[in-house]
Amino acid sequence: QVQLGESGGGLVQPGGSLRLSCKASGFFFSINALGWYRQAPGKQRELVAIVNFNGSRLDYADSVKGRFTISRDNAKNTVNLQMNNLKPGDAAVYYCKLEARLRASQSVPSHYWGQGTQVTVSS
């Protein structure tokens, strides 16, 4: 069973910072990628940032480039999202997403979602 443990959400004033962390645990052969998505009320879930664990892919939403930084710790199966200069438009539920292979013979990775953590940006 694969589990994703998310932490770090909360309330911050505009211009402030938060750091989200996501740790993948359980039984899987390898991690392809870990990333963060977000969903605001009435909007579709969107990619915030994602990183491949072999370093071949690093994507950010245009709206967060220059303000957010995603980093990975392969040994701990963890990805962190440092969010600086937060804006009211960044407020949403942030979800961790894991792309992993459960066995060596699995060519297409399975996808898993965390429970979500609320980020509120308000004065």
C-alpha atoms as a PDB file:
ATOM      1  CA  GLN A   1       0.000   0.000   0.000  1.00  0.00           C
ATOM      2  CA  VAL A   2       1.335   3.410  -0.981  1.00  0.00           C
ATOM      3  CA  GLN A   3       0.848   6.395   1.298  1.00  0.00           C
ATOM      4  CA  LEU A   4       1.610  10.082   0.926  1.00  0.00           C
ATOM      5  CA  GLY A   5       2.165  12.185   4.023  1.00  0.00           C
ATOM      6  CA  GLU A   6       1.678  15.918   3.453  1.00  0.00           C
ATOM      7  CA  SER A   7       2.517  18.749   5.809  1.00  0.00           C
ATOM      8  CA  GLY A   8       3.137  22.474   5.909  1.00  0.00           C
ATOM      9  CA  GLY A   9      -0.074  24.188   4.882  1.00  0.00           C
ATOM     10  CA  GLY A  10      -1.590  27.046   6.815  1.00  0.00           C
ATOM     11  CA  LEU A  11      -2.506  30.716   6.884  1.00  0.00           C
ATOM     12  CA  VAL A  12      -0.043  33.328   5.691  1.00  0.00           C
ATOM     13  CA  GLN A  13      -0.235  37.001   4.806  1.00  0.00           C
ATOM     14  CA  PRO A  14       0.377  38.158   1.235  1.00  0.00           C
ATOM     15  CA  GLY A  15       4.097  38.278   0.607  1.00  0.00           C
ATOM     16  CA  GLY A  16       4.761  35.580   3.163  1.00  0.00           C
ATOM     17  CA  SER A  17       6.240  32.111   2.779  1.00  0.00           C
ATOM     18  CA  LEU A  18       5.268  28.523   3.431  1.00  0.00           C
ATOM     19  CA  ARG A  19       7.027  25.222   2.910  1.00  0.00           C
ATOM     20  CA  LEU A  20       5.098  22.099   1.974  1.00  0.00           C
ATOM     21  CA  SER A  21       6.523  18.610   2.356  1.00  0.00           C
ATOM     22  CA  CYS A  22       5.368  15.288   0.989  1.00  0.00           C
ATOM     23  CA  LYS A  23       6.791  11.904   1.911  1.00  0.00           C
ATOM     24  CA  ALA A  24       5.985   8.751   0.005  1.00  0.00           C
ATOM     25  CA  SER A  25       5.965   5.480   1.911  1.00  0.00           C
ATOM     26  CA  GLY A  26       4.821   1.932   1.425  1.00  0.00           C
ATOM     27  CA  PHE A  27       5.632  -0.759  -1.086  1.00  0.00           C
ATOM     28  CA  PHE A  28       6.807   0.391  -4.491  1.00  0.00           C
ATOM     29  CA  PHE A  29       9.729  -0.460  -6.739  1.00  0.00           C
ATOM     30  CA  SER A  30      10.717   3.069  -7.740  1.00  0.00           C
ATOM     31  CA  ILE A  31       9.491   6.642  -7.835  1.00  0.00           C
ATOM     32  CA  ASN A  32       9.249   8.295 -11.222  1.00  0.00           C
ATOM     33  CA  ALA A  33       8.116  11.699  -9.996  1.00  0.00           C
ATOM     34  CA  LEU A  34       6.687  13.602  -7.079  1.00  0.00           C
ATOM     35  CA  GLY A  35       4.896  16.880  -7.422  1.00  0.00           C
ATOM     36  CA  TRP A  36       2.340  19.338  -6.159  1.00  0.00           C
ATOM     37  CA  TYR A  37      -0.996  20.293  -7.652  1.00  0.00           C
ATOM     38  CA  ARG A  38      -3.577  22.709  -6.296  1.00  0.00           C
ATOM     39  CA  GLN A  39      -7.281  23.244  -6.530  1.00  0.00           C
ATOM     40  CA  ALA A  40      -9.094  26.435  -5.617  1.00  0.00           C
ATOM     41  CA  PRO A  41     -12.871  26.526  -5.096  1.00  0.00           C
ATOM     42  CA  GLY A  42     -14.704  26.375  -8.407  1.00  0.00           C
ATOM     43  CA  LYS A  43     -11.536  25.694 -10.378  1.00  0.00           C
ATOM     44  CA  GLN A  44      -9.893  22.641 -11.850  1.00  0.00           C
ATOM     45  CA  ARG A  45      -6.908  21.013 -10.223  1.00  0.00           C
ATOM     46  CA  GLU A  46      -3.734  22.368 -11.763  1.00  0.00           C
ATOM     47  CA  LEU A  47      -0.050  21.534 -11.747  1.00  0.00           C
ATOM     48  CA  VAL A  48       2.072  23.682  -9.470  1.00  0.00           C
ATOM     49  CA  ALA A  49       5.443  21.941  -9.731  1.00  0.00           C
ATOM     50  CA  ILE A  50       6.752  18.448 -10.372  1.00  0.00           C
ATOM     51  CA  VAL A  51      10.175  16.829 -10.397  1.00  0.00           C
ATOM     52  CA  ASN A  52      11.428  13.522 -11.726  1.00  0.00           C
ATOM     53  CA  PHE A  53      13.564  11.563  -9.316  1.00  0.00           C
ATOM     54  CA  ASN A  54      16.227  11.032 -11.953  1.00  0.00           C
ATOM     55  CA  GLY A  55      16.471  14.769 -12.497  1.00  0.00           C
ATOM     56  CA  SER A  56      15.246  14.663 -16.086  1.00  0.00           C
ATOM     57  CA  ARG A  57      12.100  16.707 -15.573  1.00  0.00           C
ATOM     58  CA  LEU A  58      11.339  19.828 -13.590  1.00  0.00           C
ATOM     59  CA  ASP A  59       8.175  21.745 -14.388  1.00  0.00           C
ATOM     60  CA  TYR A  60       6.512  24.757 -12.823  1.00  0.00           C
ATOM     61  CA  ALA A  61       3.251  26.498 -13.543  1.00  0.00           C
ATOM     62  CA  ASP A  62       3.949  29.863 -15.149  1.00  0.00           C
ATOM     63  CA  SER A  63       2.109  31.586 -12.313  1.00  0.00           C
ATOM     64  CA  VAL A  64       4.602  30.357  -9.702  1.00  0.00           C
ATOM     65  CA  LYS A  65       7.903  30.572 -11.577  1.00  0.00           C
ATOM     66  CA  GLY A  66      10.413  32.656  -9.671  1.00  0.00           C
ATOM     67  CA  ARG A  67       8.457  32.353  -6.426  1.00  0.00           C
ATOM     68  CA  PHE A  68       8.162  28.609  -5.772  1.00  0.00           C
ATOM     69  CA  THR A  69      10.975  26.063  -5.654  1.00  0.00           C
ATOM     70  CA  ILE A  70      10.517  22.315  -5.644  1.00  0.00           C
ATOM     71  CA  SER A  71      13.259  20.068  -4.310  1.00  0.00           C
ATOM     72  CA  ARG A  72      13.608  16.333  -3.821  1.00  0.00           C
ATOM     73  CA  ASP A  73      15.344  14.026  -1.388  1.00  0.00           C
ATOM     74  CA  ASN A  74      15.644  10.684  -3.117  1.00  0.00           C
ATOM     75  CA  ALA A  75      16.911   8.884  -0.018  1.00  0.00           C
ATOM     76  CA  LYS A  76      13.861   9.966   1.987  1.00  0.00           C
ATOM     77  CA  ASN A  77      11.339   9.706  -0.872  1.00  0.00           C
ATOM     78  CA  THR A  78      10.389  13.275  -0.092  1.00  0.00           C
ATOM     79  CA  VAL A  79       9.632  16.377  -2.077  1.00  0.00           C
ATOM     80  CA  ASN A  80       9.440  19.884  -0.680  1.00  0.00           C
ATOM     81  CA  LEU A  81       7.808  22.975  -2.111  1.00  0.00           C
ATOM     82  CA  GLN A  82       9.161  26.300  -0.891  1.00  0.00           C
ATOM     83  CA  MET A  83       6.599  28.990  -1.608  1.00  0.00           C
ATOM     84  CA  ASN A  84       7.731  32.597  -1.343  1.00  0.00           C
ATOM     85  CA  ASN A  85       5.968  35.885  -2.012  1.00  0.00           C
ATOM     86  CA  LEU A  86       2.599  34.212  -1.718  1.00  0.00           C
ATOM     87  CA  LYS A  87      -0.371  35.924  -3.295  1.00  0.00           C
ATOM     88  CA  PRO A  88      -4.098  35.625  -2.628  1.00  0.00           C
ATOM     89  CA  GLY A  89      -4.359  33.776  -5.932  1.00  0.00           C
ATOM     90  CA  ASP A  90      -2.171  31.012  -4.522  1.00  0.00           C
ATOM     91  CA  ALA A  91      -4.805  30.083  -1.962  1.00  0.00           C
ATOM     92  CA  ALA A  92      -6.018  26.551  -2.589  1.00  0.00           C
ATOM     93  CA  VAL A  93      -5.878  22.997  -1.373  1.00  0.00           C
ATOM     94  CA  TYR A  94      -2.481  21.661  -2.363  1.00  0.00           C
ATOM     95  CA  TYR A  95      -2.222  17.982  -3.261  1.00  0.00           C
ATOM     96  CA  CYS A  96       0.883  15.849  -3.478  1.00  0.00           C
ATOM     97  CA  LYS A  97       1.000  13.471  -6.426  1.00  0.00           C
ATOM     98  CA  LEU A  98       3.214  10.409  -6.745  1.00  0.00           C
ATOM     99  CA  GLU A  99       4.083   8.611  -9.961  1.00  0.00           C
ATOM    100  CA  ALA A 100       5.623   5.269  -9.068  1.00  0.00           C
ATOM    101  CA  ARG A 101       6.199   1.774 -10.344  1.00  0.00           C
ATOM    102  CA  LEU A 102       5.081  -0.952  -7.995  1.00  0.00           C
ATOM    103  CA  ARG A 103       7.301  -3.569  -9.628  1.00  0.00           C
ATOM    104  CA  ALA A 104      10.217  -3.661 -12.043  1.00  0.00           C
ATOM    105  CA  SER A 105       8.070  -5.071 -14.845  1.00  0.00           C
ATOM    106  CA  GLN A 106       5.612  -2.171 -14.698  1.00  0.00           C
ATOM    107  CA  SER A 107       6.299   0.108 -17.650  1.00  0.00           C
ATOM    108  CA  VAL A 108       3.682   2.792 -16.989  1.00  0.00           C
ATOM    109  CA  PRO A 109       3.808   4.271 -13.478  1.00  0.00           C
ATOM    110  CA  SER A 110       0.769   4.321 -11.207  1.00  0.00           C
ATOM    111  CA  HIS A 111      -0.494   7.631  -9.856  1.00  0.00           C
ATOM    112  CA  TYR A 112      -1.374   8.360  -6.243  1.00  0.00           C
ATOM    113  CA  TRP A 113      -2.758  11.478  -4.553  1.00  0.00           C
ATOM    114  CA  GLY A 114      -2.358  12.785  -1.051  1.00  0.00           C
ATOM    115  CA  GLN A 115      -5.253  14.021   1.084  1.00  0.00           C
ATOM    116  CA  GLY A 116      -4.445  17.669   0.463  1.00  0.00           C
ATOM    117  CA  THR A 117      -3.308  20.528   2.668  1.00  0.00           C
ATOM    118  CA  GLN A 118      -4.963  23.940   2.801  1.00  0.00           C
ATOM    119  CA  VAL A 119      -3.001  27.063   1.956  1.00  0.00           C
ATOM    120  CA  THR A 120      -4.739  30.344   2.806  1.00  0.00           C
ATOM    121  CA  VAL A 121      -3.254  33.697   1.830  1.00  0.00           C
ATOM    122  CA  SER A 122      -5.009  36.565   3.511  1.00  0.00           C
ATOM    123  CA  SER A 123      -4.307  39.710   5.463  1.00  0.00           C
END
